């Protein structure tokens, strides 16, 4: 299965179980552009979006955890 197909199935499942009229869907992202530049944390939904740069020695996993913690 292609990554796009897996993503589509996941989105469909979330929407079916947690309809967006009743639940706020928030997506998080922990990312790093290139090694040694540091990670960032972000989150977005229909109501807000934010991005926060993190320390140089952190990983994209650290960014994911920080994004979840901030929300």
PDB file of N, CA and C in Angstrom:
ATOM      1  N   UNK A   1       0.840  -1.170   0.000  1.00  0.00           N
ATOM      2  CA  UNK A   1       0.000   0.000   0.000  1.00  0.00           C
ATOM      3  C   UNK A   1       0.894   1.246   0.000  1.00  0.00           C
ATOM      4  N   UNK A   2       0.518   2.239  -0.755  1.00  0.00           N
ATOM      5  CA  UNK A   2       1.275   3.486  -0.832  1.00  0.00           C
ATOM      6  C   UNK A   2       1.023   4.355   0.400  1.00  0.00           C
ATOM      7  N   UNK A   3       1.988   5.187   0.787  1.00  0.00           N
ATOM      8  CA  UNK A   3       1.793   6.071   1.943  1.00  0.00           C
ATOM      9  C   UNK A   3       0.542   6.944   1.820  1.00  0.00           C
ATOM     10  N   UNK A   4       0.251   7.431   0.631  1.00  0.00           N
ATOM     11  CA  UNK A   4      -0.943   8.267   0.442  1.00  0.00           C
ATOM     12  C   UNK A   4      -2.223   7.473   0.707  1.00  0.00           C
ATOM     13  N   UNK A   5      -2.230   6.200   0.346  1.00  0.00           N
ATOM     14  CA  UNK A   5      -3.398   5.357   0.599  1.00  0.00           C
ATOM     15  C   UNK A   5      -3.575   5.108   2.095  1.00  0.00           C
ATOM     16  N   UNK A   6      -2.478   4.857   2.780  1.00  0.00           N
ATOM     17  CA  UNK A   6      -2.531   4.631   4.230  1.00  0.00           C
ATOM     18  C   UNK A   6      -3.039   5.884   4.930  1.00  0.00           C
ATOM     19  N   UNK A   7      -2.532   7.045   4.515  1.00  0.00           N
ATOM     20  CA  UNK A   7      -2.956   8.318   5.102  1.00  0.00           C
ATOM     21  C   UNK A   7      -4.453   8.545   4.882  1.00  0.00           C
ATOM     22  N   UNK A   8      -4.945   8.249   3.672  1.00  0.00           N
ATOM     23  CA  UNK A   8      -6.363   8.429   3.363  1.00  0.00           C
ATOM     24  C   UNK A   8      -7.233   7.516   4.217  1.00  0.00           C
ATOM     25  N   UNK A   9      -6.817   6.278   4.400  1.00  0.00           N
ATOM     26  CA  UNK A   9      -7.568   5.339   5.241  1.00  0.00           C
ATOM     27  C   UNK A   9      -7.581   5.820   6.689  1.00  0.00           C
ATOM     28  N   UNK A  10      -6.446   6.306   7.174  1.00  0.00           N
ATOM     29  CA  UNK A  10      -6.376   6.806   8.552  1.00  0.00           C
ATOM     30  C   UNK A  10      -7.302   8.003   8.744  1.00  0.00           C
ATOM     31  N   UNK A  11      -7.286   8.944   7.806  1.00  0.00           N
ATOM     32  CA  UNK A  11      -8.162  10.123   7.913  1.00  0.00           C
ATOM     33  C   UNK A  11      -9.632   9.721   7.884  1.00  0.00           C
ATOM     34  N   UNK A  12      -9.970   8.783   7.022  1.00  0.00           N
ATOM     35  CA  UNK A  12     -11.348   8.306   6.932  1.00  0.00           C
ATOM     36  C   UNK A  12     -11.784   7.650   8.245  1.00  0.00           C
ATOM     37  N   UNK A  13     -10.908   6.859   8.837  1.00  0.00           N
ATOM     38  CA  UNK A  13     -11.216   6.185  10.098  1.00  0.00           C
ATOM     39  C   UNK A  13     -11.428   7.196  11.219  1.00  0.00           C
ATOM     40  N   UNK A  14     -10.558   8.181  11.313  1.00  0.00           N
ATOM     41  CA  UNK A  14     -10.698   9.215  12.351  1.00  0.00           C
ATOM     42  C   UNK A  14     -12.010   9.965  12.166  1.00  0.00           C
ATOM     43  N   UNK A  15     -12.327  10.349  10.935  1.00  0.00           N
ATOM     44  CA  UNK A  15     -13.561  11.094  10.679  1.00  0.00           C
ATOM     45  C   UNK A  15     -14.789  10.252  11.013  1.00  0.00           C
ATOM     46  N   UNK A  16     -14.746   8.964  10.701  1.00  0.00           N
ATOM     47  CA  UNK A  16     -15.891   8.088  10.973  1.00  0.00           C
ATOM     48  C   UNK A  16     -16.098   7.899  12.480  1.00  0.00           C
ATOM     49  N   UNK A  17     -15.012   7.704  13.218  1.00  0.00           N
ATOM     50  CA  UNK A  17     -15.133   7.447  14.659  1.00  0.00           C
ATOM     51  C   UNK A  17     -15.290   8.724  15.482  1.00  0.00           C
ATOM     52  N   UNK A  18     -14.685   9.801  15.005  1.00  0.00           N
ATOM     53  CA  UNK A  18     -14.696  11.074  15.745  1.00  0.00           C
ATOM     54  C   UNK A  18     -15.095  12.177  14.777  1.00  0.00           C
ATOM     55  N   UNK A  19     -16.375  12.256  14.486  1.00  0.00           N
ATOM     56  CA  UNK A  19     -16.879  13.184  13.477  1.00  0.00           C
ATOM     57  C   UNK A  19     -16.474  14.616  13.809  1.00  0.00           C
ATOM     58  N   UNK A  20     -16.020  15.342  12.795  1.00  0.00           N
ATOM     59  CA  UNK A  20     -15.486  16.690  13.020  1.00  0.00           C
ATOM     60  C   UNK A  20     -16.533  17.696  13.484  1.00  0.00           C
ATOM     61  N   UNK A  21     -17.818  17.377  13.378  1.00  0.00           N
ATOM     62  CA  UNK A  21     -18.850  18.255  13.943  1.00  0.00           C
ATOM     63  C   UNK A  21     -18.882  18.173  15.464  1.00  0.00           C
ATOM     64  N   UNK A  22     -18.366  17.072  16.018  1.00  0.00           N
ATOM     65  CA  UNK A  22     -18.419  16.859  17.461  1.00  0.00           C
ATOM     66  C   UNK A  22     -17.047  16.928  18.123  1.00  0.00           C
ATOM     67  N   UNK A  23     -15.980  16.726  17.352  1.00  0.00           N
ATOM     68  CA  UNK A  23     -14.621  16.681  17.883  1.00  0.00           C
ATOM     69  C   UNK A  23     -13.741  17.676  17.141  1.00  0.00           C
ATOM     70  N   UNK A  24     -12.775  18.241  17.841  1.00  0.00           N
ATOM     71  CA  UNK A  24     -11.764  19.070  17.195  1.00  0.00           C
ATOM     72  C   UNK A  24     -10.587  18.177  16.832  1.00  0.00           C
ATOM     73  N   UNK A  25     -10.237  18.144  15.566  1.00  0.00           N
ATOM     74  CA  UNK A  25      -9.110  17.341  15.092  1.00  0.00           C
ATOM     75  C   UNK A  25      -7.865  18.219  15.068  1.00  0.00           C
ATOM     76  N   UNK A  26      -6.858  17.838  15.826  1.00  0.00           N
ATOM     77  CA  UNK A  26      -5.603  18.581  15.890  1.00  0.00           C
ATOM     78  C   UNK A  26      -4.490  17.692  15.354  1.00  0.00           C
ATOM     79  N   UNK A  27      -3.708  18.224  14.438  1.00  0.00           N
ATOM     80  CA  UNK A  27      -2.563  17.498  13.884  1.00  0.00           C
ATOM     81  C   UNK A  27      -1.287  18.086  14.456  1.00  0.00           C
ATOM     82  N   UNK A  28      -0.338  17.221  14.777  1.00  0.00           N
ATOM     83  CA  UNK A  28       0.948  17.684  15.298  1.00  0.00           C
ATOM     84  C   UNK A  28       2.053  17.293  14.334  1.00  0.00           C
ATOM     85  N   UNK A  29       3.163  18.007  14.442  1.00  0.00           N
ATOM     86  CA  UNK A  29       4.322  17.693  13.613  1.00  0.00           C
ATOM     87  C   UNK A  29       5.585  18.041  14.376  1.00  0.00           C
ATOM     88  N   UNK A  30       6.462  17.086  14.458  1.00  0.00           N
ATOM     89  CA  UNK A  30       7.802  17.334  14.960  1.00  0.00           C
ATOM     90  C   UNK A  30       8.736  17.102  13.801  1.00  0.00           C
ATOM     91  N   UNK A  31       9.521  18.089  13.460  1.00  0.00           N
ATOM     92  CA  UNK A  31      10.342  17.933  12.263  1.00  0.00           C
ATOM     93  C   UNK A  31      11.720  18.540  12.443  1.00  0.00           C
ATOM     94  N   UNK A  32      12.590  18.145  11.549  1.00  0.00           N
ATOM     95  CA  UNK A  32      13.949  18.666  11.505  1.00  0.00           C
ATOM     96  C   UNK A  32      14.296  18.809  10.028  1.00  0.00           C
ATOM     97  N   UNK A  33      14.772  19.977   9.637  1.00  0.00           N
ATOM     98  CA  UNK A  33      15.044  20.234   8.223  1.00  0.00           C
ATOM     99  C   UNK A  33      16.336  19.565   7.792  1.00  0.00           C
ATOM    100  N   UNK A  34      17.399  19.794   8.519  1.00  0.00           N
ATOM    101  CA  UNK A  34      18.648  19.097   8.240  1.00  0.00           C
ATOM    102  C   UNK A  34      19.415  18.913   9.532  1.00  0.00           C
ATOM    103  N   UNK A  35      20.217  17.881   9.567  1.00  0.00           N
ATOM    104  CA  UNK A  35      20.933  17.510  10.784  1.00  0.00           C
ATOM    105  C   UNK A  35      21.760  18.681  11.316  1.00  0.00           C
ATOM    106  N   UNK A  36      21.663  18.891  12.625  1.00  0.00           N
ATOM    107  CA  UNK A  36      22.438  19.936  13.273  1.00  0.00           C
ATOM    108  C   UNK A  36      21.764  21.294  13.331  1.00  0.00           C
ATOM    109  N   UNK A  37      20.599  21.433  12.684  1.00  0.00           N
ATOM    110  CA  UNK A  37      19.921  22.731  12.699  1.00  0.00           C
ATOM    111  C   UNK A  37      18.882  22.827  13.802  1.00  0.00           C
ATOM    112  N   UNK A  38      18.542  21.723  14.422  1.00  0.00           N
ATOM    113  CA  UNK A  38      17.546  21.728  15.490  1.00  0.00           C
ATOM    114  C   UNK A  38      16.178  21.322  14.989  1.00  0.00           C
ATOM    115  N   UNK A  39      15.355  20.925  15.910  1.00  0.00           N
ATOM    116  CA  UNK A  39      14.009  20.455  15.597  1.00  0.00           C
ATOM    117  C   UNK A  39      12.999  21.562  15.845  1.00  0.00           C
ATOM    118  N   UNK A  40      11.796  21.332  15.355  1.00  0.00           N
ATOM    119  CA  UNK A  40      10.697  22.248  15.595  1.00  0.00           C
ATOM    120  C   UNK A  40       9.451  21.466  15.948  1.00  0.00           C
ATOM    121  N   UNK A  41       8.543  22.121  16.627  1.00  0.00           N
ATOM    122  CA  UNK A  41       7.271  21.509  17.002  1.00  0.00           C
ATOM    123  C   UNK A  41       6.151  22.358  16.426  1.00  0.00           C
ATOM    124  N   UNK A  42       5.116  21.713  15.952  1.00  0.00           N
ATOM    125  CA  UNK A  42       3.987  22.449  15.413  1.00  0.00           C
ATOM    126  C   UNK A  42       2.693  21.697  15.616  1.00  0.00           C
ATOM    127  N   UNK A  43       1.604  22.442  15.583  1.00  0.00           N
ATOM    128  CA  UNK A  43       0.271  21.855  15.671  1.00  0.00           C
ATOM    129  C   UNK A  43      -0.687  22.767  14.921  1.00  0.00           C
ATOM    130  N   UNK A  44      -1.722  22.168  14.345  1.00  0.00           N
ATOM    131  CA  UNK A  44      -2.706  22.986  13.651  1.00  0.00           C
ATOM    132  C   UNK A  44      -4.063  22.296  13.655  1.00  0.00           C
ATOM    133  N   UNK A  45      -5.099  23.109  13.543  1.00  0.00           N
ATOM    134  CA  UNK A  45      -6.471  22.639  13.389  1.00  0.00           C
ATOM    135  C   UNK A  45      -7.255  23.780  12.748  1.00  0.00           C
ATOM    136  N   UNK A  46      -8.566  23.694  12.736  1.00  0.00           N
ATOM    137  CA  UNK A  46      -9.380  24.763  12.153  1.00  0.00           C
ATOM    138  C   UNK A  46      -9.365  26.033  12.990  1.00  0.00           C
ATOM    139  N   UNK A  47      -8.930  25.963  14.238  1.00  0.00           N
ATOM    140  CA  UNK A  47      -9.002  27.101  15.142  1.00  0.00           C
ATOM    141  C   UNK A  47      -7.666  27.767  15.414  1.00  0.00           C
ATOM    142  N   UNK A  48      -6.561  27.086  15.233  1.00  0.00           N
ATOM    143  CA  UNK A  48      -5.249  27.666  15.506  1.00  0.00           C
ATOM    144  C   UNK A  48      -4.162  26.906  14.769  1.00  0.00           C
ATOM    145  N   UNK A  49      -3.004  27.540  14.704  1.00  0.00           N
ATOM    146  CA  UNK A  49      -1.803  26.900  14.167  1.00  0.00           C
ATOM    147  C   UNK A  49      -0.610  27.533  14.861  1.00  0.00           C
ATOM    148  N   UNK A  50       0.395  26.737  15.189  1.00  0.00           N
ATOM    149  CA  UNK A  50       1.605  27.300  15.777  1.00  0.00           C
ATOM    150  C   UNK A  50       2.811  26.470  15.383  1.00  0.00           C
ATOM    151  N   UNK A  51       3.953  27.117  15.450  1.00  0.00           N
ATOM    152  CA  UNK A  51       5.224  26.447  15.227  1.00  0.00           C
ATOM    153  C   UNK A  51       6.208  27.019  16.222  1.00  0.00           C
ATOM    154  N   UNK A  52       6.993  26.160  16.845  1.00  0.00           N
ATOM    155  CA  UNK A  52       7.980  26.598  17.828  1.00  0.00           C
ATOM    156  C   UNK A  52       9.320  25.937  17.530  1.00  0.00           C
ATOM    157  N   UNK A  53      10.352  26.741  17.279  1.00  0.00           N
ATOM    158  CA  UNK A  53      11.676  26.145  17.110  1.00  0.00           C
ATOM    159  C   UNK A  53      12.180  25.615  18.446  1.00  0.00           C
ATOM    160  N   UNK A  54      12.865  24.492  18.406  1.00  0.00           N
ATOM    161  CA  UNK A  54      13.402  23.879  19.619  1.00  0.00           C
ATOM    162  C   UNK A  54      14.923  23.884  19.548  1.00  0.00           C
ATOM    163  N   UNK A  55      15.577  23.289  20.513  1.00  0.00           N
ATOM    164  CA  UNK A  55      17.037  23.299  20.578  1.00  0.00           C
ATOM    165  C   UNK A  55      17.732  22.542  19.457  1.00  0.00           C
ATOM    166  N   UNK A  56      19.000  22.879  19.245  1.00  0.00           N
ATOM    167  CA  UNK A  56      19.805  22.276  18.169  1.00  0.00           C
ATOM    168  C   UNK A  56      20.018  20.778  18.354  1.00  0.00           C
ATOM    169  N   UNK A  57      20.081  20.309  19.572  1.00  0.00           N
ATOM    170  CA  UNK A  57      20.417  18.907  19.825  1.00  0.00           C
ATOM    171  C   UNK A  57      19.197  17.998  19.928  1.00  0.00           C
ATOM    172  N   UNK A  58      18.022  18.493  19.575  1.00  0.00           N
ATOM    173  CA  UNK A  58      16.806  17.695  19.681  1.00  0.00           C
ATOM    174  C   UNK A  58      16.469  17.037  18.350  1.00  0.00           C
ATOM    175  N   UNK A  59      15.633  16.009  18.417  1.00  0.00           N
ATOM    176  CA  UNK A  59      15.250  15.242  17.230  1.00  0.00           C
ATOM    177  C   UNK A  59      13.813  15.556  16.834  1.00  0.00           C
ATOM    178  N   UNK A  60      13.388  15.028  15.689  1.00  0.00           N
ATOM    179  CA  UNK A  60      12.000  15.209  15.287  1.00  0.00           C
ATOM    180  C   UNK A  60      11.049  14.537  16.278  1.00  0.00           C
ATOM    181  N   UNK A  61      11.468  13.457  16.923  1.00  0.00           N
ATOM    182  CA  UNK A  61      10.640  12.820  17.957  1.00  0.00           C
ATOM    183  C   UNK A  61      10.425  13.784  19.116  1.00  0.00           C
ATOM    184  N   UNK A  62      11.488  14.480  19.532  1.00  0.00           N
ATOM    185  CA  UNK A  62      11.351  15.485  20.588  1.00  0.00           C
ATOM    186  C   UNK A  62      10.343  16.555  20.172  1.00  0.00           C
ATOM    187  N   UNK A  63      10.363  16.921  18.897  1.00  0.00           N
ATOM    188  CA  UNK A  63       9.410  17.904  18.390  1.00  0.00           C
ATOM    189  C   UNK A  63       7.982  17.417  18.478  1.00  0.00           C
ATOM    190  N   UNK A  64       7.742  16.157  18.142  1.00  0.00           N
ATOM    191  CA  UNK A  64       6.397  15.581  18.258  1.00  0.00           C
ATOM    192  C   UNK A  64       5.909  15.615  19.701  1.00  0.00           C
ATOM    193  N   UNK A  65       6.769  15.194  20.613  1.00  0.00           N
ATOM    194  CA  UNK A  65       6.398  15.166  22.032  1.00  0.00           C
ATOM    195  C   UNK A  65       6.092  16.579  22.521  1.00  0.00           C
ATOM    196  N   UNK A  66       6.910  17.544  22.141  1.00  0.00           N
ATOM    197  CA  UNK A  66       6.693  18.930  22.564  1.00  0.00           C
ATOM    198  C   UNK A  66       5.381  19.474  22.008  1.00  0.00           C
ATOM    199  N   UNK A  67       5.066  19.168  20.754  1.00  0.00           N
ATOM    200  CA  UNK A  67       3.810  19.631  20.156  1.00  0.00           C
ATOM    201  C   UNK A  67       2.610  19.072  20.912  1.00  0.00           C
ATOM    202  N   UNK A  68       2.662  17.811  21.274  1.00  0.00           N
ATOM    203  CA  UNK A  68       1.570  17.199  22.041  1.00  0.00           C
ATOM    204  C   UNK A  68       1.474  17.829  23.422  1.00  0.00           C
ATOM    205  N   UNK A  69       2.604  18.074  24.055  1.00  0.00           N
ATOM    206  CA  UNK A  69       2.627  18.659  25.396  1.00  0.00           C
ATOM    207  C   UNK A  69       2.036  20.066  25.395  1.00  0.00           C
ATOM    208  N   UNK A  70       2.351  20.860  24.386  1.00  0.00           N
ATOM    209  CA  UNK A  70       1.877  22.245  24.332  1.00  0.00           C
ATOM    210  C   UNK A  70       0.367  22.312  24.164  1.00  0.00           C
ATOM    211  N   UNK A  71      -0.196  21.391  23.369  1.00  0.00           N
ATOM    212  CA  UNK A  71      -1.638  21.434  23.159  1.00  0.00           C
ATOM    213  C   UNK A  71      -2.306  21.010  24.435  1.00  0.00           C
TER     214      UNK A  71
END
